[in-house]
Amino acid sequence: MNKAKVFKNGDSQAVRLPKEYRFQGKEVYIKKEGNNVILSPLDDIVDSFWISLQKFEPNTEIQRNQPSNIDDRSEI
């Protein structure tokens, strides 16, 4: 497991990533799970969203039960 330096940048904390961990672009998504902080490239999140959508059957109809009788109510 590699190490990264943590330092203060103004009022924020920053992490200096080793060269092999560099991201493309200027922003990443950040998520905290317990004591772990996970950084994900913006493109990966969008790509995984589209991949997950492809797992659904196209033109899937949802079956729902509709009430057979609707209460007749008087107008206000």
PDB file of N, CA and C in Angstrom:
ATOM      1  N   MET A   1       0.855  -1.174   0.000  1.00  0.00           N
ATOM      2  CA  MET A   1       0.000   0.000   0.000  1.00  0.00           C
ATOM      3  C   MET A   1       0.900   1.236   0.000  1.00  0.00           C
ATOM      4  N   ASN A   2       0.620   2.182  -0.873  1.00  0.00           N
ATOM      5  CA  ASN A   2       1.402   3.418  -0.952  1.00  0.00           C
ATOM      6  C   ASN A   2       0.902   4.451   0.045  1.00  0.00           C
ATOM      7  N   LYS A   3       1.718   5.447   0.301  1.00  0.00           N
ATOM      8  CA  LYS A   3       1.353   6.546   1.193  1.00  0.00           C
ATOM      9  C   LYS A   3       1.214   7.824   0.388  1.00  0.00           C
ATOM     10  N   ALA A   4       0.437   8.764   0.927  1.00  0.00           N
ATOM     11  CA  ALA A   4       0.303  10.094   0.324  1.00  0.00           C
ATOM     12  C   ALA A   4       0.455  11.124   1.434  1.00  0.00           C
ATOM     13  N   LYS A   5       0.977  12.275   1.095  1.00  0.00           N
ATOM     14  CA  LYS A   5       1.164  13.356   2.065  1.00  0.00           C
ATOM     15  C   LYS A   5      -0.136  14.137   2.228  1.00  0.00           C
ATOM     16  N   VAL A   6      -0.453  14.466   3.473  1.00  0.00           N
ATOM     17  CA  VAL A   6      -1.607  15.299   3.802  1.00  0.00           C
ATOM     18  C   VAL A   6      -1.062  16.642   4.257  1.00  0.00           C
ATOM     19  N   PHE A   7      -1.663  17.730   3.744  1.00  0.00           N
ATOM     20  CA  PHE A   7      -1.204  19.062   4.132  1.00  0.00           C
ATOM     21  C   PHE A   7      -2.380  20.023   4.144  1.00  0.00           C
ATOM     22  N   LYS A   8      -2.164  21.181   4.748  1.00  0.00           N
ATOM     23  CA  LYS A   8      -3.208  22.197   4.848  1.00  0.00           C
ATOM     24  C   LYS A   8      -3.044  23.193   3.705  1.00  0.00           C
ATOM     25  N   ASN A   9      -4.165  23.531   3.070  1.00  0.00           N
ATOM     26  CA  ASN A   9      -4.193  24.494   1.969  1.00  0.00           C
ATOM     27  C   ASN A   9      -5.282  25.514   2.307  1.00  0.00           C
ATOM     28  N   GLY A  10      -4.906  26.634   2.896  1.00  0.00           N
ATOM     29  CA  GLY A  10      -5.909  27.587   3.390  1.00  0.00           C
ATOM     30  C   GLY A  10      -6.639  26.962   4.556  1.00  0.00           C
ATOM     31  N   ASP A  11      -7.974  26.958   4.497  1.00  0.00           N
ATOM     32  CA  ASP A  11      -8.775  26.322   5.546  1.00  0.00           C
ATOM     33  C   ASP A  11      -9.111  24.872   5.215  1.00  0.00           C
ATOM     34  N   SER A  12      -8.619  24.372   4.099  1.00  0.00           N
ATOM     35  CA  SER A  12      -8.921  23.008   3.663  1.00  0.00           C
ATOM     36  C   SER A  12      -7.730  22.091   3.889  1.00  0.00           C
ATOM     37  N   GLN A  13      -8.017  20.807   3.931  1.00  0.00           N
ATOM     38  CA  GLN A  13      -6.963  19.807   3.990  1.00  0.00           C
ATOM     39  C   GLN A  13      -6.820  19.229   2.583  1.00  0.00           C
ATOM     40  N   ALA A  14      -5.609  18.980   2.147  1.00  0.00           N
ATOM     41  CA  ALA A  14      -5.356  18.452   0.808  1.00  0.00           C
ATOM     42  C   ALA A  14      -4.466  17.222   0.907  1.00  0.00           C
ATOM     43  N   VAL A  15      -4.526  16.402  -0.126  1.00  0.00           N
ATOM     44  CA  VAL A  15      -3.705  15.196  -0.199  1.00  0.00           C
ATOM     45  C   VAL A  15      -2.886  15.262  -1.481  1.00  0.00           C
ATOM     46  N   ARG A  16      -1.597  15.075  -1.369  1.00  0.00           N
ATOM     47  CA  ARG A  16      -0.716  15.045  -2.542  1.00  0.00           C
ATOM     48  C   ARG A  16      -0.631  13.587  -2.996  1.00  0.00           C
ATOM     49  N   LEU A  17      -1.245  13.298  -4.140  1.00  0.00           N
ATOM     50  CA  LEU A  17      -1.284  11.929  -4.643  1.00  0.00           C
ATOM     51  C   LEU A  17      -0.006  11.596  -5.407  1.00  0.00           C
ATOM     52  N   PRO A  18       0.505  10.374  -5.248  1.00  0.00           N
ATOM     53  CA  PRO A  18       1.632   9.955  -6.077  1.00  0.00           C
ATOM     54  C   PRO A  18       1.234   9.976  -7.560  1.00  0.00           C
ATOM     55  N   LYS A  19       2.220  10.087  -8.415  1.00  0.00           N
ATOM     56  CA  LYS A  19       2.003  10.242  -9.856  1.00  0.00           C
ATOM     57  C   LYS A  19       1.080   9.164 -10.434  1.00  0.00           C
ATOM     58  N   GLU A  20       1.242   7.927  -9.995  1.00  0.00           N
ATOM     59  CA  GLU A  20       0.436   6.831 -10.561  1.00  0.00           C
ATOM     60  C   GLU A  20      -1.043   6.890 -10.158  1.00  0.00           C
ATOM     61  N   TYR A  21      -1.398   7.782  -9.240  1.00  0.00           N
ATOM     62  CA  TYR A  21      -2.785   7.926  -8.799  1.00  0.00           C
ATOM     63  C   TYR A  21      -3.447   9.193  -9.339  1.00  0.00           C
ATOM     64  N   ARG A  22      -2.805   9.888 -10.239  1.00  0.00           N
ATOM     65  CA  ARG A  22      -3.346  11.149 -10.753  1.00  0.00           C
ATOM     66  C   ARG A  22      -4.672  10.933 -11.471  1.00  0.00           C
ATOM     67  N   PHE A  23      -5.525  11.949 -11.380  1.00  0.00           N
ATOM     68  CA  PHE A  23      -6.815  11.962 -12.063  1.00  0.00           C
ATOM     69  C   PHE A  23      -6.734  12.860 -13.286  1.00  0.00           C
ATOM     70  N   GLN A  24      -7.532  12.551 -14.294  1.00  0.00           N
ATOM     71  CA  GLN A  24      -7.716  13.456 -15.421  1.00  0.00           C
ATOM     72  C   GLN A  24      -8.753  14.487 -14.991  1.00  0.00           C
ATOM     73  N   GLY A  25      -8.669  15.693 -15.494  1.00  0.00           N
ATOM     74  CA  GLY A  25      -9.648  16.717 -15.149  1.00  0.00           C
ATOM     75  C   GLY A  25      -9.293  17.426 -13.860  1.00  0.00           C
ATOM     76  N   LYS A  26     -10.191  18.309 -13.433  1.00  0.00           N
ATOM     77  CA  LYS A  26      -9.925  19.150 -12.265  1.00  0.00           C
ATOM     78  C   LYS A  26     -10.825  18.835 -11.074  1.00  0.00           C
ATOM     79  N   GLU A  27     -11.781  17.922 -11.240  1.00  0.00           N
ATOM     80  CA  GLU A  27     -12.688  17.597 -10.142  1.00  0.00           C
ATOM     81  C   GLU A  27     -12.876  16.090 -10.037  1.00  0.00           C
ATOM     82  N   VAL A  28     -13.169  15.636  -8.823  1.00  0.00           N
ATOM     83  CA  VAL A  28     -13.492  14.234  -8.558  1.00  0.00           C
ATOM     84  C   VAL A  28     -14.696  14.202  -7.623  1.00  0.00           C
ATOM     85  N   TYR A  29     -15.395  13.071  -7.611  1.00  0.00           N
ATOM     86  CA  TYR A  29     -16.423  12.857  -6.600  1.00  0.00           C
ATOM     87  C   TYR A  29     -15.727  12.345  -5.354  1.00  0.00           C
ATOM     88  N   ILE A  30     -16.256  12.721  -4.195  1.00  0.00           N
ATOM     89  CA  ILE A  30     -15.671  12.287  -2.928  1.00  0.00           C
ATOM     90  C   ILE A  30     -16.775  11.667  -2.081  1.00  0.00           C
ATOM     91  N   LYS A  31     -16.453  10.556  -1.433  1.00  0.00           N
ATOM     92  CA  LYS A  31     -17.431   9.834  -0.622  1.00  0.00           C
ATOM     93  C   LYS A  31     -16.713   9.296   0.607  1.00  0.00           C
ATOM     94  N   LYS A  32     -17.368   9.374   1.742  1.00  0.00           N
ATOM     95  CA  LYS A  32     -16.784   8.850   2.975  1.00  0.00           C
ATOM     96  C   LYS A  32     -17.549   7.602   3.385  1.00  0.00           C
ATOM     97  N   GLU A  33     -16.807   6.517   3.618  1.00  0.00           N
ATOM     98  CA  GLU A  33     -17.380   5.261   4.114  1.00  0.00           C
ATOM     99  C   GLU A  33     -16.602   4.865   5.358  1.00  0.00           C
ATOM    100  N   GLY A  34     -17.202   5.078   6.505  1.00  0.00           N
ATOM    101  CA  GLY A  34     -16.495   4.822   7.758  1.00  0.00           C
ATOM    102  C   GLY A  34     -15.314   5.759   7.874  1.00  0.00           C
ATOM    103  N   ASN A  35     -14.117   5.219   8.080  1.00  0.00           N
ATOM    104  CA  ASN A  35     -12.901   6.034   8.157  1.00  0.00           C
ATOM    105  C   ASN A  35     -12.234   6.219   6.796  1.00  0.00           C
ATOM    106  N   ASN A  36     -12.800   5.640   5.748  1.00  0.00           N
ATOM    107  CA  ASN A  36     -12.201   5.709   4.413  1.00  0.00           C
ATOM    108  C   ASN A  36     -12.808   6.838   3.597  1.00  0.00           C
ATOM    109  N   VAL A  37     -11.966   7.502   2.827  1.00  0.00           N
ATOM    110  CA  VAL A  37     -12.409   8.532   1.887  1.00  0.00           C
ATOM    111  C   VAL A  37     -12.140   7.990   0.494  1.00  0.00           C
ATOM    112  N   ILE A  38     -13.182   7.957  -0.345  1.00  0.00           N
ATOM    113  CA  ILE A  38     -13.064   7.397  -1.691  1.00  0.00           C
ATOM    114  C   ILE A  38     -13.183   8.519  -2.709  1.00  0.00           C
ATOM    115  N   LEU A  39     -12.199   8.624  -3.588  1.00  0.00           N
ATOM    116  CA  LEU A  39     -12.210   9.600  -4.676  1.00  0.00           C
ATOM    117  C   LEU A  39     -12.498   8.853  -5.970  1.00  0.00           C
ATOM    118  N   SER A  40     -13.432   9.371  -6.766  1.00  0.00           N
ATOM    119  CA  SER A  40     -13.780   8.749  -8.044  1.00  0.00           C
ATOM    120  C   SER A  40     -13.795   9.798  -9.135  1.00  0.00           C
ATOM    121  N   PRO A  41     -13.222   9.489 -10.301  1.00  0.00           N
ATOM    122  CA  PRO A  41     -13.270  10.445 -11.410  1.00  0.00           C
ATOM    123  C   PRO A  41     -14.715  10.714 -11.815  1.00  0.00           C
ATOM    124  N   LEU A  42     -15.018  11.925 -12.216  1.00  0.00           N
ATOM    125  CA  LEU A  42     -16.370  12.276 -12.635  1.00  0.00           C
ATOM    126  C   LEU A  42     -16.843  11.371 -13.754  1.00  0.00           C
ATOM    127  N   ASP A  43     -15.988  11.076 -14.722  1.00  0.00           N
ATOM    128  CA  ASP A  43     -16.375  10.239 -15.852  1.00  0.00           C
ATOM    129  C   ASP A  43     -16.776   8.843 -15.409  1.00  0.00           C
ATOM    130  N   ASP A  44     -16.086   8.263 -14.430  1.00  0.00           N
ATOM    131  CA  ASP A  44     -16.406   6.917 -13.972  1.00  0.00           C
ATOM    132  C   ASP A  44     -17.799   6.842 -13.375  1.00  0.00           C
ATOM    133  N   ILE A  45     -18.221   7.865 -12.640  1.00  0.00           N
ATOM    134  CA  ILE A  45     -19.548   7.871 -12.032  1.00  0.00           C
ATOM    135  C   ILE A  45     -20.612   7.892 -13.121  1.00  0.00           C
ATOM    136  N   VAL A  46     -20.437   8.746 -14.108  1.00  0.00           N
ATOM    137  CA  VAL A  46     -21.403   8.843 -15.206  1.00  0.00           C
ATOM    138  C   VAL A  46     -21.424   7.541 -15.995  1.00  0.00           C
ATOM    139  N   ASP A  47     -20.251   6.992 -16.288  1.00  0.00           N
ATOM    140  CA  ASP A  47     -20.180   5.730 -17.025  1.00  0.00           C
ATOM    141  C   ASP A  47     -20.877   4.606 -16.267  1.00  0.00           C
ATOM    142  N   SER A  48     -20.646   4.503 -14.966  1.00  0.00           N
ATOM    143  CA  SER A  48     -21.275   3.434 -14.190  1.00  0.00           C
ATOM    144  C   SER A  48     -22.783   3.624 -14.111  1.00  0.00           C
ATOM    145  N   PHE A  49     -23.259   4.867 -14.133  1.00  0.00           N
ATOM    146  CA  PHE A  49     -24.699   5.126 -14.160  1.00  0.00           C
ATOM    147  C   PHE A  49     -25.302   4.568 -15.448  1.00  0.00           C
ATOM    148  N   TRP A  50     -24.694   4.879 -16.598  1.00  0.00           N
ATOM    149  CA  TRP A  50     -25.221   4.395 -17.883  1.00  0.00           C
ATOM    150  C   TRP A  50     -25.126   2.878 -17.974  1.00  0.00           C
ATOM    151  N   ILE A  51     -24.070   2.300 -17.450  1.00  0.00           N
ATOM    152  CA  ILE A  51     -23.938   0.842 -17.459  1.00  0.00           C
ATOM    153  C   ILE A  51     -25.043   0.208 -16.629  1.00  0.00           C
ATOM    154  N   SER A  52     -25.350   0.786 -15.470  1.00  0.00           N
ATOM    155  CA  SER A  52     -26.415   0.233 -14.623  1.00  0.00           C
ATOM    156  C   SER A  52     -27.776   0.364 -15.295  1.00  0.00           C
ATOM    157  N   LEU A  53     -28.006   1.436 -16.059  1.00  0.00           N
ATOM    158  CA  LEU A  53     -29.274   1.583 -16.780  1.00  0.00           C
ATOM    159  C   LEU A  53     -29.435   0.514 -17.854  1.00  0.00           C
ATOM    160  N   GLN A  54     -28.348   0.092 -18.461  1.00  0.00           N
ATOM    161  CA  GLN A  54     -28.410  -0.916 -19.516  1.00  0.00           C
ATOM    162  C   GLN A  54     -28.810  -2.287 -18.982  1.00  0.00           C
ATOM    163  N   LYS A  55     -28.754  -2.484 -17.680  1.00  0.00           N
ATOM    164  CA  LYS A  55     -29.137  -3.768 -17.093  1.00  0.00           C
ATOM    165  C   LYS A  55     -30.650  -3.953 -17.049  1.00  0.00           C
ATOM    166  N   PHE A  56     -31.405  -2.872 -17.220  1.00  0.00           N
ATOM    167  CA  PHE A  56     -32.858  -2.959 -17.214  1.00  0.00           C
ATOM    168  C   PHE A  56     -33.356  -3.430 -18.575  1.00  0.00           C
ATOM    169  N   GLU A  57     -34.441  -4.169 -18.569  1.00  0.00           N
ATOM    170  CA  GLU A  57     -35.062  -4.602 -19.815  1.00  0.00           C
ATOM    171  C   GLU A  57     -35.656  -3.389 -20.520  1.00  0.00           C
ATOM    172  N   PRO A  58     -35.458  -3.262 -21.837  1.00  0.00           N
ATOM    173  CA  PRO A  58     -36.072  -2.133 -22.547  1.00  0.00           C
ATOM    174  C   PRO A  58     -37.588  -2.296 -22.599  1.00  0.00           C
ATOM    175  N   ASN A  59     -38.278  -1.185 -22.533  1.00  0.00           N
ATOM    176  CA  ASN A  59     -39.744  -1.152 -22.623  1.00  0.00           C
ATOM    177  C   ASN A  59     -40.424  -2.041 -21.592  1.00  0.00           C
ATOM    178  N   THR A  60     -39.883  -2.111 -20.423  1.00  0.00           N
ATOM    179  CA  THR A  60     -40.486  -2.903 -19.360  1.00  0.00           C
ATOM    180  C   THR A  60     -41.709  -2.173 -18.834  1.00  0.00           C
ATOM    181  N   GLU A  61     -42.837  -2.877 -18.825  1.00  0.00           N
ATOM    182  CA  GLU A  61     -44.056  -2.286 -18.290  1.00  0.00           C
ATOM    183  C   GLU A  61     -44.211  -2.720 -16.842  1.00  0.00           C
ATOM    184  N   ILE A  62     -44.594  -1.798 -16.017  1.00  0.00           N
ATOM    185  CA  ILE A  62     -44.817  -2.091 -14.609  1.00  0.00           C
ATOM    186  C   ILE A  62     -46.290  -2.419 -14.430  1.00  0.00           C
ATOM    187  N   GLN A  63     -46.562  -3.569 -13.842  1.00  0.00           N
ATOM    188  CA  GLN A  63     -47.940  -3.979 -13.588  1.00  0.00           C
ATOM    189  C   GLN A  63     -48.389  -3.415 -12.249  1.00  0.00           C
ATOM    190  N   ARG A  64     -49.523  -2.704 -12.264  1.00  0.00           N
ATOM    191  CA  ARG A  64     -50.065  -2.158 -11.022  1.00  0.00           C
ATOM    192  C   ARG A  64     -51.548  -2.474 -10.953  1.00  0.00           C
ATOM    193  N   ASN A  65     -52.026  -2.669  -9.771  1.00  0.00           N
ATOM    194  CA  ASN A  65     -53.458  -2.869  -9.561  1.00  0.00           C
ATOM    195  C   ASN A  65     -54.113  -1.520  -9.361  1.00  0.00           C
ATOM    196  N   GLN A  66     -55.121  -1.246 -10.170  1.00  0.00           N
ATOM    197  CA  GLN A  66     -55.881  -0.012 -10.048  1.00  0.00           C
ATOM    198  C   GLN A  66     -57.171  -0.320  -9.294  1.00  0.00           C
ATOM    199  N   PRO A  67     -57.659   0.617  -8.501  1.00  0.00           N
ATOM    200  CA  PRO A  67     -58.933   0.385  -7.813  1.00  0.00           C
ATOM    201  C   PRO A  67     -60.050   0.210  -8.847  1.00  0.00           C
ATOM    202  N   SER A  68     -60.919  -0.790  -8.596  1.00  0.00           N
ATOM    203  CA  SER A  68     -61.989  -1.060  -9.557  1.00  0.00           C
ATOM    204  C   SER A  68     -63.108  -0.029  -9.474  1.00  0.00           C
ATOM    205  N   ASN A  69     -63.321   0.517  -8.306  1.00  0.00           N
ATOM    206  CA  ASN A  69     -64.354   1.551  -8.194  1.00  0.00           C
ATOM    207  C   ASN A  69     -63.763   2.775  -7.503  1.00  0.00           C
ATOM    208  N   ILE A  70     -64.138   3.905  -8.010  1.00  0.00           N
ATOM    209  CA  ILE A  70     -63.659   5.163  -7.451  1.00  0.00           C
ATOM    210  C   ILE A  70     -64.819   5.806  -6.706  1.00  0.00           C
ATOM    211  N   ASP A  71     -64.544   6.280  -5.503  1.00  0.00           N
ATOM    212  CA  ASP A  71     -65.596   6.919  -4.714  1.00  0.00           C
ATOM    213  C   ASP A  71     -66.113   8.151  -5.441  1.00  0.00           C
ATOM    214  N   ASP A  72     -67.449   8.213  -5.562  1.00  0.00           N
ATOM    215  CA  ASP A  72     -68.053   9.429  -6.113  1.00  0.00           C
ATOM    216  C   ASP A  72     -68.194  10.423  -4.976  1.00  0.00           C
ATOM    217  N   ARG A  73     -67.619  11.564  -5.157  1.00  0.00           N
ATOM    218  CA  ARG A  73     -67.683  12.595  -4.119  1.00  0.00           C
ATOM    219  C   ARG A  73     -68.399  13.804  -4.674  1.00  0.00           C
ATOM    220  N   SER A  74     -69.058  14.482  -3.795  1.00  0.00           N
ATOM    221  CA  SER A  74     -69.776  15.676  -4.239  1.00  0.00           C
ATOM    222  C   SER A  74     -68.785  16.807  -4.473  1.00  0.00           C
ATOM    223  N   GLU A  75     -69.168  17.705  -5.386  1.00  0.00           N
ATOM    224  CA  GLU A  75     -68.312  18.843  -5.668  1.00  0.00           C
ATOM    225  C   GLU A  75     -68.305  19.798  -4.487  1.00  0.00           C
ATOM    226  N   ILE A  76     -67.256  20.540  -4.354  1.00  0.00           N
ATOM    227  CA  ILE A  76     -67.142  21.490  -3.246  1.00  0.00           C
ATOM    228  C   ILE A  76     -67.959  22.709  -3.543  1.00  0.00           C
TER     229      ILE A  76
END
